[in-house]
Amino acid sequence: MSRFVCRFTVLTAVTVSCLSAWAAPINLNPNLALSVNPGSTGLWTLSATNQDNGAAANGWKAFAVAMQIIPDPGATGTVTLQSFINPVDNPSIPAGSAGPASVSSGVFPQPINGTTSFTSIILGYNDANFTSWPSGQTHNMATITWSASPDASGSWRVYASNPEDNFIDLPQTTWNLPNANDVYFGNVPFVSGTTSTLQLGTISAVPEPSSLMLAASAIVAASWYGWRSRRNPLVVEV
């Protein structure tokens, strides 16, 4: 995906092509939540909505999201983005025309949300078609598989982030026009000289109820044994 960015400081011909896309802001939808058992996987469906009143977003061709997974205090183990696919219900990139789903990891030159680490997901068309989003319409973008390590416990926050403009060659959170120009999502904008970030949701690693019951049973058994030992001390005759 091209790392070219639409700005008003570029040539007039390019600016005009960008204005039509900016006229209809597309926002990523936050407040996603997932509870996953340690040592297993779970699914998210990432989506976006055309927030403009009355204007269609013309020319959706592809997208990229630079995601950061931040552990909350006390979290142990890891939660990682394992893979993602084009959702079955995805009018923005219809089944059969989507290109390969790309996942890559890297580091930003300076911290965002307290870390330089990110995982980028990218999906686009194989052909020359593109999609127009009517005003107010929500499209599914990606079904993401998250993986929790066997020792995972606690919660993690997931962000979509954009680096500063001087890091423009790095993966970003944008959607792509047919002419390969990138457009920022409305709620993860480009802000010159700083970074932008949006919390997409949270992932919690919670043991299965059977595991909790087994642990509780072990504690009860140990307590009972200790009580019996104190009540019936061992007497050794000599």
Protein backbone atom coordinates (compact mmCIF):
# COMPACT_ATOMS: atom_id res chain seq x y z
CA MET A 1 0.00 0.00 0.00
CA SER A 2 1.27 3.44 -0.86
CA ARG A 3 2.46 5.56 2.03
CA PHE A 4 1.50 8.78 0.20
CA VAL A 5 -0.70 10.96 2.39
CA CYS A 6 -3.28 13.53 1.31
CA ARG A 7 -2.35 17.02 2.55
CA PHE A 8 -3.20 20.51 1.46
CA THR A 9 0.47 21.30 0.92
CA VAL A 10 0.81 18.97 -2.06
CA LEU A 11 0.13 19.79 -5.70
CA THR A 12 -3.31 21.17 -6.52
CA ALA A 13 -4.33 18.22 -8.72
CA VAL A 14 -3.68 15.75 -5.91
CA THR A 15 -5.38 17.93 -3.32
CA VAL A 16 -8.61 17.99 -5.32
CA SER A 17 -8.69 14.18 -5.48
CA CYS A 18 -8.23 14.01 -1.70
CA LEU A 19 -10.98 16.49 -0.87
CA SER A 20 -13.70 14.23 -2.29
CA ALA A 21 -12.58 11.45 0.07
CA TRP A 22 -12.20 13.71 3.11
CA ALA A 23 -15.75 15.00 2.55
CA ALA A 24 -17.12 11.74 3.96
CA PRO A 25 -15.22 10.73 7.12
CA ILE A 26 -14.99 7.01 7.87
CA ASN A 27 -14.50 6.18 11.56
CA LEU A 28 -13.26 2.95 13.08
CA ASN A 29 -15.78 1.51 15.55
CA PRO A 30 -14.36 1.13 19.11
CA ASN A 31 -15.69 -0.56 22.28
CA LEU A 32 -14.81 -4.09 21.15
CA ALA A 33 -14.50 -6.67 23.93
CA LEU A 34 -13.23 -10.23 24.04
CA SER A 35 -12.82 -12.76 26.85
CA VAL A 36 -10.50 -15.65 26.00
CA ASN A 37 -9.28 -18.65 27.98
CA PRO A 38 -5.50 -18.97 28.57
CA GLY A 39 -3.90 -21.12 25.88
CA SER A 40 -6.75 -20.57 23.41
CA THR A 41 -7.96 -18.11 20.76
CA GLY A 42 -10.90 -15.74 20.25
CA LEU A 43 -12.33 -13.57 17.47
CA TRP A 44 -12.95 -9.86 16.95
CA THR A 45 -14.77 -8.28 14.00
CA LEU A 46 -13.30 -4.86 13.22
CA SER A 47 -15.70 -2.47 11.48
CA ALA A 48 -16.01 1.16 10.36
CA THR A 49 -18.88 3.60 9.72
CA ASN A 50 -19.34 6.49 7.31
CA GLN A 51 -20.14 9.26 9.80
CA ASP A 52 -20.99 11.94 7.24
CA ASN A 53 -24.60 13.15 7.04
CA GLY A 54 -25.64 12.74 3.43
CA ALA A 55 -22.34 12.16 1.62
CA ALA A 56 -21.00 8.86 0.32
CA ALA A 57 -17.35 7.89 0.74
CA ASN A 58 -16.26 7.09 -2.80
CA GLY A 59 -13.25 5.00 -3.72
CA TRP A 60 -12.60 2.54 -0.87
CA LYS A 61 -9.81 0.32 -2.21
CA ALA A 62 -7.93 -1.07 0.80
CA PHE A 63 -7.05 -0.35 4.42
CA ALA A 64 -4.24 -0.64 6.96
CA VAL A 65 -4.46 -0.54 10.75
CA ALA A 66 -1.37 -0.22 12.95
CA MET A 67 -2.45 -1.92 16.18
CA GLN A 68 -0.84 -1.82 19.63
CA ILE A 69 -1.58 -4.37 22.37
CA ILE A 70 -0.94 -2.84 25.82
CA PRO A 71 -1.12 -4.98 29.02
CA ASP A 72 -2.91 -3.53 32.02
CA PRO A 73 -1.06 -3.50 35.36
CA GLY A 74 -0.87 -7.01 36.81
CA ALA A 75 -1.36 -8.81 33.48
CA THR A 76 0.84 -11.87 32.95
CA GLY A 77 1.64 -13.87 29.83
CA THR A 78 0.83 -12.49 26.39
CA VAL A 79 -2.04 -11.79 24.02
CA THR A 80 -1.05 -11.58 20.34
CA LEU A 81 -2.72 -10.95 17.00
CA GLN A 82 -2.45 -14.37 15.37
CA SER A 83 -4.15 -13.75 12.00
CA PHE A 84 -7.07 -12.04 10.25
CA ILE A 85 -9.32 -12.70 7.27
CA ASN A 86 -11.79 -10.81 5.10
CA PRO A 87 -15.18 -11.26 6.85
CA VAL A 88 -17.88 -13.19 5.01
CA ASP A 89 -20.18 -10.21 5.49
CA ASN A 90 -17.98 -7.41 4.18
CA PRO A 91 -19.54 -5.15 1.53
CA SER A 92 -16.45 -2.91 1.50
CA ILE A 93 -14.25 -5.66 0.02
CA PRO A 94 -16.53 -8.42 -1.38
CA ALA A 95 -15.54 -12.06 -1.02
CA GLY A 96 -13.55 -13.26 -4.01
CA SER A 97 -12.03 -9.88 -4.82
CA ALA A 98 -9.94 -9.43 -1.67
CA GLY A 99 -6.19 -9.73 -1.87
CA PRO A 100 -4.07 -11.57 0.69
CA ALA A 101 -4.47 -10.50 4.31
CA SER A 102 -1.09 -9.20 5.45
CA VAL A 103 0.09 -9.15 9.09
CA SER A 104 3.45 -7.67 10.07
CA SER A 105 5.10 -6.50 13.29
CA GLY A 106 7.55 -3.68 13.86
CA VAL A 107 8.55 -0.77 16.06
CA PHE A 108 7.90 2.96 15.87
CA PRO A 109 10.95 5.23 16.26
CA GLN A 110 9.35 6.75 19.35
CA PRO A 111 6.80 5.39 21.87
CA ILE A 112 3.04 5.62 21.32
CA ASN A 113 0.91 4.56 24.32
CA GLY A 114 4.13 3.88 26.21
CA THR A 115 5.58 1.39 23.71
CA THR A 116 7.19 1.35 20.28
CA SER A 117 5.73 -2.04 19.30
CA PHE A 118 2.91 -2.41 16.78
CA THR A 119 1.25 -5.03 14.59
CA SER A 120 -0.03 -3.90 11.20
CA ILE A 121 -2.90 -5.52 9.28
CA ILE A 122 -3.47 -4.69 5.57
CA LEU A 123 -6.20 -5.86 3.18
CA GLY A 124 -7.10 -4.68 -0.33
CA TYR A 125 -8.58 -5.67 -3.68
CA ASN A 126 -7.02 -7.98 -6.22
CA ASP A 127 -8.76 -6.13 -9.07
CA ALA A 128 -9.45 -2.57 -10.15
CA ASN A 129 -12.88 -2.32 -8.49
CA PHE A 130 -13.64 -0.16 -5.50
CA THR A 131 -16.57 0.50 -3.21
CA SER A 132 -18.71 3.53 -2.35
CA TRP A 133 -19.98 3.74 1.23
CA PRO A 134 -23.38 5.47 1.65
CA SER A 135 -23.81 7.85 4.55
CA GLY A 136 -24.40 6.14 7.89
CA GLN A 137 -23.50 2.65 6.64
CA THR A 138 -21.27 0.33 8.69
CA HIS A 139 -18.99 -2.20 6.98
CA ASN A 140 -17.13 -5.11 8.53
CA MET A 141 -13.43 -4.86 7.70
CA ALA A 142 -11.58 -7.79 9.29
CA THR A 143 -12.21 -10.86 11.44
CA ILE A 144 -9.18 -10.95 13.74
CA THR A 145 -7.96 -14.02 15.65
CA TRP A 146 -6.34 -13.23 19.01
CA SER A 147 -4.20 -15.82 20.83
CA ALA A 148 -3.61 -15.96 24.60
CA SER A 149 -0.54 -17.76 25.98
CA PRO A 150 -1.12 -20.63 28.46
CA ASP A 151 -0.02 -18.39 31.34
CA ALA A 152 -2.09 -15.36 30.23
CA SER A 153 -4.08 -13.64 32.95
CA GLY A 154 -5.52 -10.12 33.21
CA SER A 155 -6.54 -7.66 30.51
CA TRP A 156 -5.01 -5.86 27.52
CA ARG A 157 -6.03 -2.65 25.71
CA VAL A 158 -5.87 -2.59 21.90
CA TYR A 159 -5.21 0.69 20.07
CA ALA A 160 -5.17 1.85 16.45
CA SER A 161 -2.35 4.38 16.13
CA ASN A 162 -0.72 6.79 13.69
CA PRO A 163 2.89 7.96 14.05
CA GLU A 164 4.14 11.49 13.51
CA ASP A 165 4.44 12.83 9.97
CA ASN A 166 8.21 12.35 9.95
CA PHE A 167 7.56 8.59 10.30
CA ILE A 168 5.43 8.55 7.15
CA ASP A 169 7.08 5.47 5.61
CA LEU A 170 5.92 3.25 8.47
CA PRO A 171 2.61 1.33 8.47
CA GLN A 172 -0.26 3.58 9.43
CA THR A 173 -3.98 3.49 10.18
CA THR A 174 -5.50 4.62 6.88
CA TRP A 175 -7.83 3.61 4.08
CA ASN A 176 -6.76 3.65 0.46
CA LEU A 177 -8.16 5.28 -2.70
CA PRO A 178 -7.99 3.64 -6.16
CA ASN A 179 -5.22 6.09 -7.14
CA ALA A 180 -3.15 4.67 -4.21
CA ASN A 181 -3.55 7.79 -2.05
CA ASP A 182 -4.00 7.15 1.70
CA VAL A 183 -6.79 8.81 3.71
CA TYR A 184 -6.84 8.88 7.50
CA PHE A 185 -9.82 7.56 9.45
CA GLY A 186 -11.83 10.37 11.03
CA ASN A 187 -11.14 9.27 14.61
CA VAL A 188 -7.45 8.39 14.06
CA PRO A 189 -6.45 11.57 12.21
CA PHE A 190 -3.16 12.94 10.97
CA VAL A 191 -1.92 15.64 13.37
CA SER A 192 1.35 17.24 12.27
CA GLY A 193 4.12 16.92 14.83
CA THR A 194 2.32 14.51 17.15
CA THR A 195 0.75 11.06 17.24
CA SER A 196 -2.90 9.99 17.22
CA THR A 197 -4.40 6.90 18.78
CA LEU A 198 -7.82 5.30 19.38
CA GLN A 199 -8.62 2.54 21.86
CA LEU A 200 -10.45 -0.10 19.83
CA GLY A 201 -11.31 -2.30 22.79
CA THR A 202 -10.09 -4.72 25.45
CA ILE A 203 -9.11 -8.39 25.64
CA SER A 204 -9.33 -10.33 28.91
CA ALA A 205 -7.70 -13.69 29.65
CA VAL A 206 -9.92 -15.59 32.10
CA PRO A 207 -9.42 -19.21 33.22
CA GLU A 208 -12.17 -21.70 32.38
CA PRO A 209 -14.68 -22.34 35.19
CA SER A 210 -13.49 -25.99 35.36
CA SER A 211 -9.92 -24.79 35.98
CA LEU A 212 -11.09 -22.49 38.76
CA MET A 213 -13.10 -25.33 40.36
CA LEU A 214 -10.08 -27.64 40.18
CA ALA A 215 -7.89 -25.04 41.86
CA ALA A 216 -10.54 -24.42 44.53
CA SER A 217 -10.88 -28.17 45.16
CA ALA A 218 -7.12 -28.46 45.64
CA ILE A 219 -7.17 -25.64 48.19
CA VAL A 220 -10.08 -27.22 50.08
CA ALA A 221 -8.36 -30.63 50.09
CA ALA A 222 -5.12 -29.13 51.39
CA SER A 223 -6.99 -27.26 54.12
CA TRP A 224 -8.89 -30.38 55.17
CA TYR A 225 -5.68 -32.41 55.32
CA GLY A 226 -4.05 -29.75 57.46
CA TRP A 227 -7.03 -29.70 59.82
CA ARG A 228 -6.99 -33.51 60.17
CA SER A 229 -3.26 -33.47 60.84
CA ARG A 230 -3.68 -30.95 63.66
CA ARG A 231 -6.66 -32.82 65.14
CA ASN A 232 -5.08 -36.26 64.99
CA PRO A 233 -1.37 -35.80 65.62
CA LEU A 234 0.82 -38.73 64.78
CA VAL A 235 1.86 -40.66 67.93
CA VAL A 236 5.00 -42.71 67.74
CA GLU A 237 5.45 -45.45 70.36
CA VAL A 238 8.90 -46.50 71.43
